[in-house]
């Protein structure tokens, strides 16, 4: 006896923004909800994406990952060695795209990156440098 497969077309649920979620809300590009279709998430400038940028509608009728969300990106002030000078305003937290510049006193050499930028991940592009004697 042959078994019959359920051939009903499946689709994934619509990806609507959660009205109870705090802003900023993600931008969703999901032209289809059919099996194999993808949904792409992005965030407004100055915010970071948390979760998968692209998810796929699976044969189970579920998305491969939960919908991504956007968060306001902040980087903490890095733990800078005493000998390193931070050029510019010193703050507790920095926004995505904020930049720190480092320097050393005369007679010392900067060992590491002179610049670090706050990324949408909440981390700096480079660790703080060190100042070493010449």
Protein backbone atom coordinates (compact mmCIF):
# COMPACT_ATOMS: atom_id res chain seq x y z
CA UNK A 1 0.00 0.00 0.00
CA UNK A 2 1.38 3.40 -0.95
CA UNK A 3 1.20 6.29 1.47
CA UNK A 4 0.09 9.67 0.24
CA UNK A 5 2.09 12.78 0.98
CA UNK A 6 0.43 15.96 2.01
CA UNK A 7 0.98 18.18 -1.02
CA UNK A 8 -0.67 21.28 0.38
CA UNK A 9 1.31 24.38 -0.40
CA UNK A 10 2.98 25.82 2.67
CA UNK A 11 4.02 29.32 3.38
CA UNK A 12 5.60 31.05 6.33
CA UNK A 13 3.80 33.58 8.53
CA UNK A 14 3.86 37.23 7.53
CA UNK A 15 6.74 39.19 9.04
CA UNK A 16 4.96 42.17 10.54
CA UNK A 17 6.70 44.51 13.01
CA UNK A 18 5.84 43.84 16.63
CA UNK A 19 3.86 46.93 17.74
CA UNK A 20 5.01 46.40 21.33
CA UNK A 21 8.71 46.39 20.31
CA UNK A 22 10.64 49.55 21.15
CA UNK A 23 11.78 51.65 18.20
CA UNK A 24 13.61 51.60 15.92
CA UNK A 25 11.74 48.94 13.95
CA UNK A 26 13.56 46.88 11.29
CA UNK A 27 12.98 47.34 7.59
CA UNK A 28 11.78 44.01 6.13
CA UNK A 29 12.03 43.04 2.47
CA UNK A 30 10.00 39.83 2.05
CA UNK A 31 8.42 39.73 -1.41
CA UNK A 32 7.16 36.18 -0.88
CA UNK A 33 6.34 33.82 2.00
CA UNK A 34 6.52 30.63 -0.08
CA UNK A 35 8.89 27.79 0.86
CA UNK A 36 12.42 28.75 -0.21
CA UNK A 37 11.71 32.49 -0.21
CA UNK A 38 13.99 34.79 1.73
CA UNK A 39 13.35 37.82 3.90
CA UNK A 40 16.04 40.46 4.32
CA UNK A 41 16.26 42.79 7.32
CA UNK A 42 17.98 46.16 7.61
CA UNK A 43 17.96 48.97 10.14
CA UNK A 44 17.85 52.75 10.00
CA UNK A 45 21.18 54.56 10.11
CA UNK A 46 22.66 54.80 13.59
CA UNK A 47 21.16 51.51 14.72
CA UNK A 48 22.45 47.97 14.69
CA UNK A 49 20.85 44.75 13.50
CA UNK A 50 20.45 42.00 16.10
CA UNK A 51 19.75 38.62 14.54
CA UNK A 52 20.10 37.18 11.06
CA UNK A 53 20.16 39.63 8.15
CA UNK A 54 18.56 37.02 5.84
CA UNK A 55 16.14 34.25 6.83
CA UNK A 56 14.55 31.55 4.65
CA UNK A 57 11.05 30.06 4.63
CA UNK A 58 11.49 26.35 5.30
CA UNK A 59 9.36 23.38 4.24
CA UNK A 60 7.97 23.25 7.78
CA UNK A 61 6.23 26.58 7.17
CA UNK A 62 8.55 28.34 9.62
CA UNK A 63 11.27 30.90 9.07
CA UNK A 64 14.85 29.63 9.56
CA UNK A 65 15.48 32.18 12.35
CA UNK A 66 13.43 34.62 14.39
CA UNK A 67 12.89 38.06 12.84
CA UNK A 68 15.81 40.42 13.40
CA UNK A 69 15.42 43.57 15.46
CA UNK A 70 17.14 46.95 15.52
CA UNK A 71 18.79 48.49 18.55
CA UNK A 72 20.37 51.84 19.15
CA UNK A 73 24.06 51.10 18.95
CA UNK A 74 26.36 52.19 21.72
CA UNK A 75 29.98 51.42 22.46
CA UNK A 76 31.38 51.78 25.95
CA UNK A 77 34.42 53.95 26.50
CA UNK A 78 37.37 51.59 26.02
CA UNK A 79 39.76 50.80 28.85
CA UNK A 80 42.63 52.97 27.62
CA UNK A 81 46.08 52.59 29.23
CA UNK A 82 47.10 55.58 31.35
CA UNK A 83 49.94 56.50 28.95
CA UNK A 84 47.60 56.80 25.93
CA UNK A 85 45.86 60.10 25.25
CA UNK A 86 42.35 60.18 23.79
CA UNK A 87 41.88 63.11 21.43
CA UNK A 88 38.42 64.67 21.61
CA UNK A 89 35.53 64.52 24.06
CA UNK A 90 35.61 61.67 26.55
CA UNK A 91 32.18 60.12 27.07
CA UNK A 92 30.83 57.06 28.89
CA UNK A 93 29.07 55.79 25.76
CA UNK A 94 29.47 56.48 22.06
CA UNK A 95 27.08 56.09 19.13
CA UNK A 96 27.67 54.05 15.99
CA UNK A 97 30.12 55.88 13.74
CA UNK A 98 31.72 57.88 16.58
CA UNK A 99 35.49 57.87 16.30
CA UNK A 100 38.27 57.95 18.89
CA UNK A 101 41.79 59.11 18.05
CA UNK A 102 44.76 58.17 20.17
CA UNK A 103 48.19 59.70 20.65
CA UNK A 104 51.26 59.41 22.88
CA UNK A 105 53.49 61.94 24.62
CA UNK A 106 56.73 63.02 22.94
CA UNK A 107 59.34 60.30 23.27
CA UNK A 108 56.80 57.49 23.04
CA UNK A 109 55.67 55.43 20.07
CA UNK A 110 52.04 54.47 19.46
CA UNK A 111 51.79 50.66 19.26
CA UNK A 112 48.43 49.82 17.65
CA UNK A 113 45.74 51.65 15.75
CA UNK A 114 45.59 55.45 15.95
CA UNK A 115 41.83 55.43 15.27
CA UNK A 116 38.89 53.32 16.46
CA UNK A 117 35.29 53.61 15.23
CA UNK A 118 32.16 52.47 17.09
CA UNK A 119 30.54 49.72 14.95
CA UNK A 120 26.92 48.63 14.72
CA UNK A 121 27.90 45.53 16.73
CA UNK A 122 28.61 47.72 19.76
CA UNK A 123 32.34 47.04 19.54
CA UNK A 124 35.24 49.23 18.43
CA UNK A 125 37.07 48.55 15.14
CA UNK A 126 40.35 48.21 17.06
CA UNK A 127 41.48 47.77 20.66
CA UNK A 128 43.16 50.72 22.39
CA UNK A 129 46.85 51.04 21.52
CA UNK A 130 49.79 51.21 23.90
CA UNK A 131 52.53 53.80 24.17
CA UNK A 132 56.03 52.36 24.25
CA UNK A 133 59.33 54.15 24.79
CA UNK A 134 61.49 54.84 21.75
